[in-house]
N, C-alpha and C. Protein backbone atom coordinates (compact mmCIF):
# COMPACT_ATOMS: atom_id res chain seq x y z
N MET A 1 62.38 -9.74 -17.50
CA MET A 1 62.94 -11.07 -17.37
C MET A 1 63.17 -11.65 -18.77
N ARG A 2 64.35 -12.18 -18.96
CA ARG A 2 64.69 -12.83 -20.22
C ARG A 2 64.07 -14.22 -20.26
N LYS A 3 63.62 -14.63 -21.42
CA LYS A 3 63.03 -15.96 -21.59
C LYS A 3 63.76 -16.70 -22.70
N ALA A 4 63.81 -18.00 -22.57
CA ALA A 4 64.34 -18.87 -23.61
C ALA A 4 63.32 -19.98 -23.85
N GLU A 5 63.32 -20.49 -25.07
CA GLU A 5 62.36 -21.53 -25.42
C GLU A 5 63.10 -22.71 -26.01
N ILE A 6 62.69 -23.90 -25.58
CA ILE A 6 63.19 -25.15 -26.15
C ILE A 6 61.99 -25.85 -26.78
N LYS A 7 62.13 -26.24 -28.02
CA LYS A 7 61.03 -26.90 -28.74
C LYS A 7 61.50 -28.28 -29.17
N ILE A 8 60.68 -29.28 -28.89
CA ILE A 8 60.96 -30.66 -29.29
C ILE A 8 59.84 -31.12 -30.22
N THR A 9 60.22 -31.62 -31.38
CA THR A 9 59.26 -32.15 -32.34
C THR A 9 59.52 -33.64 -32.49
N VAL A 10 58.46 -34.43 -32.36
CA VAL A 10 58.57 -35.88 -32.50
C VAL A 10 57.69 -36.30 -33.67
N GLU A 11 58.31 -36.91 -34.66
CA GLU A 11 57.59 -37.44 -35.82
C GLU A 11 57.34 -38.92 -35.57
N LEU A 12 56.08 -39.33 -35.63
CA LEU A 12 55.67 -40.70 -35.30
C LEU A 12 55.27 -41.48 -36.54
N ASP A 13 55.46 -42.80 -36.48
CA ASP A 13 54.97 -43.66 -37.54
C ASP A 13 53.50 -44.00 -37.27
N ASP A 14 52.93 -44.89 -38.06
CA ASP A 14 51.52 -45.26 -37.91
C ASP A 14 51.21 -45.96 -36.59
N ASN A 15 52.25 -46.51 -35.94
CA ASN A 15 52.09 -47.19 -34.65
C ASN A 15 52.50 -46.30 -33.48
N ASN A 16 52.63 -45.00 -33.74
CA ASN A 16 53.04 -44.02 -32.71
C ASN A 16 54.44 -44.25 -32.16
N MET A 17 55.28 -44.86 -32.96
CA MET A 17 56.69 -45.04 -32.59
C MET A 17 57.49 -43.87 -33.17
N PRO A 18 58.37 -43.27 -32.38
CA PRO A 18 59.16 -42.14 -32.90
C PRO A 18 60.05 -42.55 -34.06
N GLU A 19 59.91 -41.84 -35.17
CA GLU A 19 60.81 -42.03 -36.31
C GLU A 19 61.89 -40.97 -36.30
N ASN A 20 61.54 -39.76 -35.90
CA ASN A 20 62.49 -38.66 -35.82
C ASN A 20 62.18 -37.81 -34.59
N ILE A 21 63.25 -37.36 -33.94
CA ILE A 21 63.14 -36.43 -32.83
C ILE A 21 64.02 -35.24 -33.19
N LEU A 22 63.44 -34.06 -33.15
CA LEU A 22 64.16 -32.84 -33.51
C LEU A 22 64.01 -31.85 -32.36
N TRP A 23 65.07 -31.11 -32.09
CA TRP A 23 64.96 -30.07 -31.06
C TRP A 23 65.60 -28.80 -31.56
N GLU A 24 65.12 -27.70 -31.00
CA GLU A 24 65.67 -26.39 -31.31
C GLU A 24 65.51 -25.51 -30.08
N SER A 25 66.33 -24.48 -30.00
CA SER A 25 66.32 -23.59 -28.85
C SER A 25 66.58 -22.16 -29.30
N THR A 26 65.93 -21.24 -28.62
CA THR A 26 66.17 -19.83 -28.92
C THR A 26 67.58 -19.40 -28.52
N ASP A 27 68.24 -20.16 -27.62
CA ASP A 27 69.59 -19.83 -27.19
C ASP A 27 70.68 -20.59 -27.95
N ALA A 28 70.29 -21.47 -28.86
CA ALA A 28 71.27 -22.27 -29.61
C ALA A 28 72.03 -21.40 -30.60
N GLN A 29 73.23 -21.84 -30.95
CA GLN A 29 74.02 -21.11 -31.93
C GLN A 29 73.39 -21.18 -33.32
N THR A 30 72.66 -22.24 -33.58
CA THR A 30 71.98 -22.39 -34.86
C THR A 30 70.47 -22.33 -34.63
N LYS A 31 69.75 -21.86 -35.58
CA LYS A 31 68.29 -21.82 -35.47
C LYS A 31 67.66 -23.03 -36.14
N ASP A 32 68.51 -23.94 -36.64
CA ASP A 32 68.02 -25.14 -37.29
C ASP A 32 67.50 -26.14 -36.27
N GLN A 33 66.57 -27.00 -36.71
CA GLN A 33 66.17 -28.13 -35.89
C GLN A 33 67.29 -29.15 -35.92
N VAL A 34 67.65 -29.67 -34.75
CA VAL A 34 68.75 -30.61 -34.64
C VAL A 34 68.17 -32.01 -34.41
N PRO A 35 68.51 -32.98 -35.28
CA PRO A 35 67.99 -34.33 -35.09
C PRO A 35 68.76 -35.07 -34.00
N VAL A 36 68.03 -35.84 -33.19
CA VAL A 36 68.62 -36.69 -32.16
C VAL A 36 67.95 -38.05 -32.23
N LYS A 37 68.60 -39.05 -31.66
CA LYS A 37 68.05 -40.41 -31.66
C LYS A 37 67.35 -40.77 -30.36
N SER A 38 67.65 -40.04 -29.27
CA SER A 38 67.06 -40.38 -27.98
C SER A 38 67.02 -39.15 -27.10
N MET A 39 66.06 -39.14 -26.15
CA MET A 39 65.97 -38.03 -25.21
C MET A 39 65.37 -38.52 -23.89
N ILE A 40 65.78 -37.86 -22.83
CA ILE A 40 65.20 -38.07 -21.51
C ILE A 40 64.91 -36.67 -20.96
N LEU A 41 63.65 -36.42 -20.66
CA LEU A 41 63.25 -35.15 -20.09
C LEU A 41 62.63 -35.43 -18.73
N ALA A 42 63.17 -34.83 -17.69
CA ALA A 42 62.64 -35.00 -16.34
C ALA A 42 62.28 -33.64 -15.76
N LEU A 43 61.11 -33.56 -15.18
CA LEU A 43 60.62 -32.32 -14.59
C LEU A 43 60.16 -32.61 -13.16
N TRP A 44 60.36 -31.67 -12.26
CA TRP A 44 59.93 -31.82 -10.87
C TRP A 44 58.68 -30.99 -10.64
N ASP A 45 57.62 -31.64 -10.21
CA ASP A 45 56.37 -30.94 -9.88
C ASP A 45 56.38 -30.64 -8.38
N HIS A 46 56.64 -29.39 -8.05
CA HIS A 46 56.75 -28.97 -6.65
C HIS A 46 55.43 -29.16 -5.90
N ASN A 47 54.30 -28.91 -6.55
CA ASN A 47 53.00 -29.03 -5.88
C ASN A 47 52.68 -30.46 -5.48
N TYR A 48 52.95 -31.41 -6.36
CA TYR A 48 52.63 -32.81 -6.09
C TYR A 48 53.83 -33.60 -5.54
N LYS A 49 54.99 -32.95 -5.49
CA LYS A 49 56.21 -33.58 -4.97
C LYS A 49 56.53 -34.89 -5.71
N ASN A 50 56.49 -34.81 -7.04
CA ASN A 50 56.89 -35.98 -7.82
C ASN A 50 57.50 -35.53 -9.14
N SER A 51 58.16 -36.46 -9.78
CA SER A 51 58.79 -36.15 -11.06
C SER A 51 57.93 -36.64 -12.20
N MET A 52 58.07 -35.96 -13.30
CA MET A 52 57.40 -36.34 -14.54
C MET A 52 58.51 -36.55 -15.57
N ARG A 53 58.36 -37.59 -16.37
CA ARG A 53 59.42 -37.92 -17.32
C ARG A 53 58.84 -38.22 -18.69
N ILE A 54 59.64 -37.91 -19.67
CA ILE A 54 59.37 -38.33 -21.04
C ILE A 54 60.67 -38.95 -21.54
N ASP A 55 60.62 -40.24 -21.84
CA ASP A 55 61.76 -40.96 -22.39
C ASP A 55 61.37 -41.43 -23.79
N LEU A 56 62.10 -40.96 -24.78
CA LEU A 56 61.80 -41.33 -26.16
C LEU A 56 63.09 -41.69 -26.89
N TRP A 57 62.96 -42.62 -27.82
CA TRP A 57 64.07 -42.93 -28.71
C TRP A 57 63.48 -43.38 -30.04
N THR A 58 64.22 -43.11 -31.10
CA THR A 58 63.76 -43.52 -32.42
C THR A 58 63.93 -45.02 -32.58
N LYS A 59 63.13 -45.57 -33.47
CA LYS A 59 63.19 -47.02 -33.64
C LYS A 59 64.50 -47.49 -34.27
N ASP A 60 65.28 -46.56 -34.83
CA ASP A 60 66.57 -46.94 -35.39
C ASP A 60 67.74 -46.56 -34.49
N MET A 61 67.46 -46.28 -33.22
CA MET A 61 68.53 -45.97 -32.25
C MET A 61 69.34 -47.24 -32.01
N PRO A 62 70.63 -47.24 -32.32
CA PRO A 62 71.46 -48.43 -32.10
C PRO A 62 71.59 -48.76 -30.61
N VAL A 63 71.56 -50.03 -30.29
CA VAL A 63 71.63 -50.47 -28.90
C VAL A 63 72.94 -50.01 -28.24
N ASP A 64 74.06 -50.09 -28.96
CA ASP A 64 75.33 -49.65 -28.36
C ASP A 64 75.31 -48.16 -28.04
N GLU A 65 74.64 -47.36 -28.87
CA GLU A 65 74.52 -45.94 -28.57
C GLU A 65 73.57 -45.69 -27.40
N MET A 66 72.53 -46.52 -27.26
CA MET A 66 71.62 -46.38 -26.12
C MET A 66 72.35 -46.68 -24.82
N LYS A 67 73.20 -47.69 -24.82
CA LYS A 67 74.01 -47.99 -23.63
C LYS A 67 74.89 -46.81 -23.27
N ARG A 68 75.54 -46.25 -24.26
CA ARG A 68 76.41 -45.09 -24.04
C ARG A 68 75.60 -43.88 -23.55
N PHE A 69 74.42 -43.67 -24.13
CA PHE A 69 73.54 -42.58 -23.74
C PHE A 69 73.15 -42.70 -22.26
N PHE A 70 72.76 -43.89 -21.83
CA PHE A 70 72.41 -44.09 -20.43
C PHE A 70 73.61 -43.88 -19.52
N TYR A 71 74.76 -44.39 -19.91
CA TYR A 71 75.97 -44.20 -19.12
C TYR A 71 76.28 -42.72 -18.95
N GLU A 72 76.27 -41.97 -20.04
CA GLU A 72 76.58 -40.54 -19.95
C GLU A 72 75.51 -39.78 -19.17
N THR A 73 74.25 -40.19 -19.29
CA THR A 73 73.17 -39.56 -18.54
C THR A 73 73.35 -39.78 -17.05
N LEU A 74 73.69 -41.00 -16.65
CA LEU A 74 73.94 -41.28 -15.23
C LEU A 74 75.10 -40.44 -14.71
N GLN A 75 76.16 -40.35 -15.50
CA GLN A 75 77.32 -39.55 -15.09
C GLN A 75 76.94 -38.08 -14.89
N THR A 76 76.21 -37.51 -15.84
CA THR A 76 75.87 -36.10 -15.74
C THR A 76 74.81 -35.85 -14.66
N MET A 77 73.98 -36.84 -14.37
CA MET A 77 73.05 -36.70 -13.25
C MET A 77 73.83 -36.59 -11.95
N GLY A 78 74.91 -37.34 -11.83
CA GLY A 78 75.77 -37.22 -10.65
C GLY A 78 76.38 -35.83 -10.56
N ASP A 79 76.85 -35.30 -11.69
CA ASP A 79 77.41 -33.94 -11.70
C ASP A 79 76.38 -32.92 -11.25
N SER A 80 75.16 -33.04 -11.78
CA SER A 80 74.10 -32.10 -11.41
C SER A 80 73.73 -32.23 -9.94
N PHE A 81 73.65 -33.47 -9.45
CA PHE A 81 73.29 -33.69 -8.05
C PHE A 81 74.36 -33.10 -7.13
N LEU A 82 75.62 -33.28 -7.49
CA LEU A 82 76.71 -32.71 -6.70
C LEU A 82 76.62 -31.19 -6.68
N LYS A 83 76.39 -30.60 -7.82
CA LYS A 83 76.29 -29.15 -7.91
C LYS A 83 75.11 -28.62 -7.09
N ALA A 84 73.99 -29.35 -7.10
CA ALA A 84 72.78 -28.90 -6.40
C ALA A 84 72.83 -29.14 -4.89
N THR A 85 73.53 -30.20 -4.45
CA THR A 85 73.45 -30.60 -3.04
C THR A 85 74.78 -30.62 -2.31
N ASN A 86 75.88 -30.67 -3.05
CA ASN A 86 77.22 -30.83 -2.48
C ASN A 86 77.38 -32.13 -1.70
N GLU A 87 76.60 -33.14 -2.05
CA GLU A 87 76.65 -34.47 -1.41
C GLU A 87 77.73 -35.32 -2.09
N THR A 88 78.98 -35.11 -1.71
CA THR A 88 80.09 -35.76 -2.41
C THR A 88 80.13 -37.28 -2.22
N LEU A 89 79.80 -37.77 -1.04
CA LEU A 89 79.92 -39.20 -0.78
C LEU A 89 78.97 -40.02 -1.65
N ILE A 90 77.72 -39.61 -1.74
CA ILE A 90 76.78 -40.38 -2.55
C ILE A 90 77.10 -40.25 -4.04
N VAL A 91 77.64 -39.11 -4.45
CA VAL A 91 78.02 -38.94 -5.86
C VAL A 91 79.20 -39.84 -6.18
N GLU A 92 80.11 -40.02 -5.23
CA GLU A 92 81.21 -40.98 -5.45
C GLU A 92 80.65 -42.39 -5.63
N ASP A 93 79.62 -42.75 -4.84
CA ASP A 93 78.98 -44.05 -5.00
C ASP A 93 78.33 -44.18 -6.38
N LEU A 94 77.68 -43.12 -6.82
CA LEU A 94 77.05 -43.14 -8.14
C LEU A 94 78.10 -43.29 -9.23
N ARG A 95 79.21 -42.61 -9.08
CA ARG A 95 80.29 -42.74 -10.09
C ARG A 95 80.88 -44.15 -10.09
N ASP A 96 80.97 -44.77 -8.90
CA ASP A 96 81.40 -46.17 -8.83
C ASP A 96 80.42 -47.06 -9.59
N TYR A 97 79.12 -46.80 -9.39
CA TYR A 97 78.12 -47.58 -10.11
C TYR A 97 78.25 -47.35 -11.62
N CYS A 98 78.49 -46.12 -12.01
CA CYS A 98 78.66 -45.82 -13.44
C CYS A 98 79.81 -46.60 -14.05
N ALA A 99 80.90 -46.72 -13.31
CA ALA A 99 82.04 -47.52 -13.78
C ALA A 99 81.63 -48.98 -13.91
N HIS A 100 80.86 -49.48 -12.95
CA HIS A 100 80.35 -50.85 -12.99
C HIS A 100 79.43 -51.04 -14.21
N PHE A 101 78.54 -50.08 -14.42
CA PHE A 101 77.62 -50.10 -15.56
C PHE A 101 78.42 -50.14 -16.87
N ALA A 102 79.41 -49.27 -16.98
CA ALA A 102 80.24 -49.21 -18.19
C ALA A 102 80.93 -50.55 -18.43
N ASP A 103 81.44 -51.15 -17.35
CA ASP A 103 82.11 -52.44 -17.47
C ASP A 103 81.13 -53.52 -17.94
N LYS A 104 79.97 -53.59 -17.33
CA LYS A 104 78.97 -54.62 -17.69
C LYS A 104 78.42 -54.42 -19.09
N MET A 105 78.34 -53.17 -19.56
CA MET A 105 77.79 -52.89 -20.88
C MET A 105 78.86 -52.86 -21.96
N GLY A 106 80.12 -53.04 -21.58
CA GLY A 106 81.19 -53.03 -22.57
C GLY A 106 81.50 -51.65 -23.09
N ILE A 107 81.25 -50.64 -22.26
CA ILE A 107 81.52 -49.25 -22.63
C ILE A 107 82.89 -48.89 -22.09
N ILE A 108 83.75 -48.37 -22.95
CA ILE A 108 85.07 -47.94 -22.50
C ILE A 108 84.95 -46.48 -22.09
N GLU A 109 85.20 -46.20 -20.81
CA GLU A 109 85.09 -44.84 -20.32
C GLU A 109 86.08 -43.94 -21.03
N GLY A 110 85.65 -42.70 -21.30
CA GLY A 110 86.51 -41.70 -21.93
C GLY A 110 86.45 -41.71 -23.45
N GLN A 111 85.66 -42.61 -24.03
CA GLN A 111 85.54 -42.62 -25.50
C GLN A 111 84.19 -42.12 -25.92
């Protein structure tokens, strides 16, 4: 069985606030650590039937980029849900909500 590894490094300040988030993967085109400003990691625990999440962002993450990050995350969650379940009607509702979110947050879709 082939294995791949994803490594996330979080550098914290004295108050345990993320200053830098770096990630790397054995399957990435580069072996360098890649800096990011925000991350959302969600895992499903089959035994306990619940999700576990880690949401982190650096203290210098711009608010406009955080809005865009959430918008794109919601959109791609819809794509993943559609692929996993083929539930087209609810995904259409989610995409409608995403358009509403983009409008309320001043995000221009497609940019």
